[in-house]
């Protein structure tokens, strides 16, 4: 669902940018610092949007690679820890036993009869 909203918002942004660019077709002076040029505003808008999108894309790719590398490292660490410790020493038996005790306690309290008024 999140991906669908991202695609819809990206398409909406592209449509708004295209409409804005088509409306603004006048030539403008662009100063690049070392050269000045007369360029149609539509090109300035479209190129700026494209460069911004590519920048965001490359940062997202870099983040994705870092996260994948971290996941692989954590999976290796987990595999080495689970191979080093036998299953009975992992503490899972204790958790199961604790859960059984909790269930027995709750069953015992739910079976308890309410105090009668005679004891008052």
Protein backbone atom coordinates (compact mmCIF):
# COMPACT_ATOMS: atom_id res chain seq x y z
CA UNK A 1 0.00 0.00 0.00
CA UNK A 2 2.87 2.34 0.83
CA UNK A 3 4.45 1.72 -2.57
CA UNK A 4 1.20 2.53 -4.34
CA UNK A 5 0.94 5.88 -2.56
CA UNK A 6 4.55 6.65 -3.43
CA UNK A 7 3.91 5.91 -7.11
CA UNK A 8 0.71 7.96 -7.12
CA UNK A 9 2.41 10.91 -5.42
CA UNK A 10 5.38 10.69 -7.82
CA UNK A 11 3.06 10.71 -10.83
CA UNK A 12 1.10 13.62 -9.39
CA UNK A 13 4.32 15.55 -8.80
CA UNK A 14 5.46 14.80 -12.36
CA UNK A 15 2.13 16.00 -13.76
CA UNK A 16 2.21 19.24 -11.75
CA UNK A 17 5.84 19.85 -12.78
CA UNK A 18 5.03 19.23 -16.44
CA UNK A 19 2.07 21.60 -16.38
CA UNK A 20 4.14 24.25 -14.59
CA UNK A 21 6.95 23.82 -17.11
CA UNK A 22 4.67 24.08 -20.14
CA UNK A 23 3.13 27.29 -18.80
CA UNK A 24 6.58 28.86 -18.37
CA UNK A 25 8.21 28.77 -21.82
CA UNK A 26 9.83 32.23 -21.76
CA UNK A 27 13.59 32.53 -22.11
CA UNK A 28 15.46 33.34 -18.93
CA UNK A 29 19.06 34.18 -18.20
CA UNK A 30 20.79 31.42 -16.24
CA UNK A 31 24.09 32.19 -14.50
CA UNK A 32 26.22 29.08 -13.89
CA UNK A 33 28.98 31.09 -12.21
CA UNK A 34 31.42 30.77 -15.08
CA UNK A 35 29.02 31.27 -17.98
CA UNK A 36 25.68 32.97 -18.58
CA UNK A 37 23.16 31.69 -21.06
CA UNK A 38 19.64 32.38 -22.30
CA UNK A 39 17.61 29.20 -21.86
CA UNK A 40 13.87 28.48 -22.03
CA UNK A 41 12.45 28.24 -18.52
CA UNK A 42 10.81 24.91 -19.40
CA UNK A 43 14.27 23.35 -19.78
CA UNK A 44 15.51 24.84 -16.53
CA UNK A 45 12.49 23.44 -14.66
CA UNK A 46 12.67 19.99 -16.24
CA UNK A 47 16.44 19.64 -15.83
CA UNK A 48 16.30 20.82 -12.21
CA UNK A 49 13.52 18.34 -11.45
CA UNK A 50 15.43 15.53 -13.16
CA UNK A 51 18.65 16.30 -11.26
CA UNK A 52 16.75 16.44 -7.96
CA UNK A 53 15.09 13.10 -8.66
CA UNK A 54 18.40 11.49 -9.58
CA UNK A 55 20.01 12.82 -6.40
CA UNK A 56 17.24 11.37 -4.24
CA UNK A 57 17.46 8.08 -6.17
CA UNK A 58 21.22 7.74 -5.62
CA UNK A 59 20.93 8.51 -1.91
CA UNK A 60 18.16 5.90 -1.63
CA UNK A 61 20.30 3.30 -3.42
CA UNK A 62 23.26 4.00 -1.14
CA UNK A 63 21.01 3.67 1.92
CA UNK A 64 19.57 0.42 0.59
CA UNK A 65 23.03 -1.09 0.09
CA UNK A 66 24.09 -0.07 3.61
CA UNK A 67 20.95 -1.64 5.09
CA UNK A 68 21.44 -4.86 3.11
CA UNK A 69 25.06 -5.07 4.27
CA UNK A 70 23.95 -4.54 7.87
CA UNK A 71 21.26 -7.22 7.54
CA UNK A 72 23.80 -9.72 6.16
CA UNK A 73 26.16 -8.96 9.03
CA UNK A 74 23.42 -9.38 11.63
CA UNK A 75 22.28 -12.64 10.01
CA UNK A 76 25.84 -13.99 10.14
CA UNK A 77 26.13 -12.91 13.78
CA UNK A 78 22.82 -14.61 14.60
CA UNK A 79 23.85 -17.79 12.78
CA UNK A 80 27.17 -17.92 14.63
CA UNK A 81 25.47 -17.36 17.99
CA UNK A 82 22.79 -19.97 17.37
CA UNK A 83 25.39 -22.48 16.18
CA UNK A 84 27.52 -21.86 19.28
CA UNK A 85 24.67 -22.26 21.77
CA UNK A 86 22.63 -25.48 21.85
CA UNK A 87 18.87 -25.10 21.67
CA UNK A 88 18.25 -26.12 25.27
CA UNK A 89 20.67 -23.48 26.54
CA UNK A 90 19.05 -20.74 24.49
CA UNK A 91 16.49 -20.07 27.19
CA UNK A 92 13.48 -21.07 25.12
CA UNK A 93 12.59 -23.86 27.56
CA UNK A 94 12.49 -21.32 30.38
CA UNK A 95 10.17 -19.07 28.39
CA UNK A 96 7.84 -21.99 27.70
CA UNK A 97 7.87 -22.96 31.36
CA UNK A 98 7.18 -19.38 32.43
CA UNK A 99 4.27 -19.21 30.02
CA UNK A 100 2.85 -22.43 31.43
CA UNK A 101 3.10 -21.05 34.96
CA UNK A 102 1.32 -17.87 33.93
CA UNK A 103 -1.47 -19.88 32.30
CA UNK A 104 -1.86 -22.03 35.42
CA UNK A 105 -1.99 -18.94 37.64
CA UNK A 106 -4.62 -17.26 35.49
CA UNK A 107 -6.68 -20.45 35.37
CA UNK A 108 -6.44 -20.80 39.16
CA UNK A 109 -7.56 -17.18 39.71
CA UNK A 110 -10.41 -17.48 37.25
CA UNK A 111 -11.71 -20.64 38.98
CA UNK A 112 -11.66 -18.99 42.38
CA UNK A 113 -15.15 -18.51 43.74
CA UNK A 114 -16.17 -15.02 44.80
CA UNK A 115 -16.38 -14.32 48.52
CA UNK A 116 -19.83 -14.92 49.84
CA UNK A 117 -21.64 -12.42 52.05
CA UNK A 118 -21.88 -15.00 54.78
CA UNK A 119 -18.20 -14.53 55.67
CA UNK A 120 -18.72 -10.85 56.44
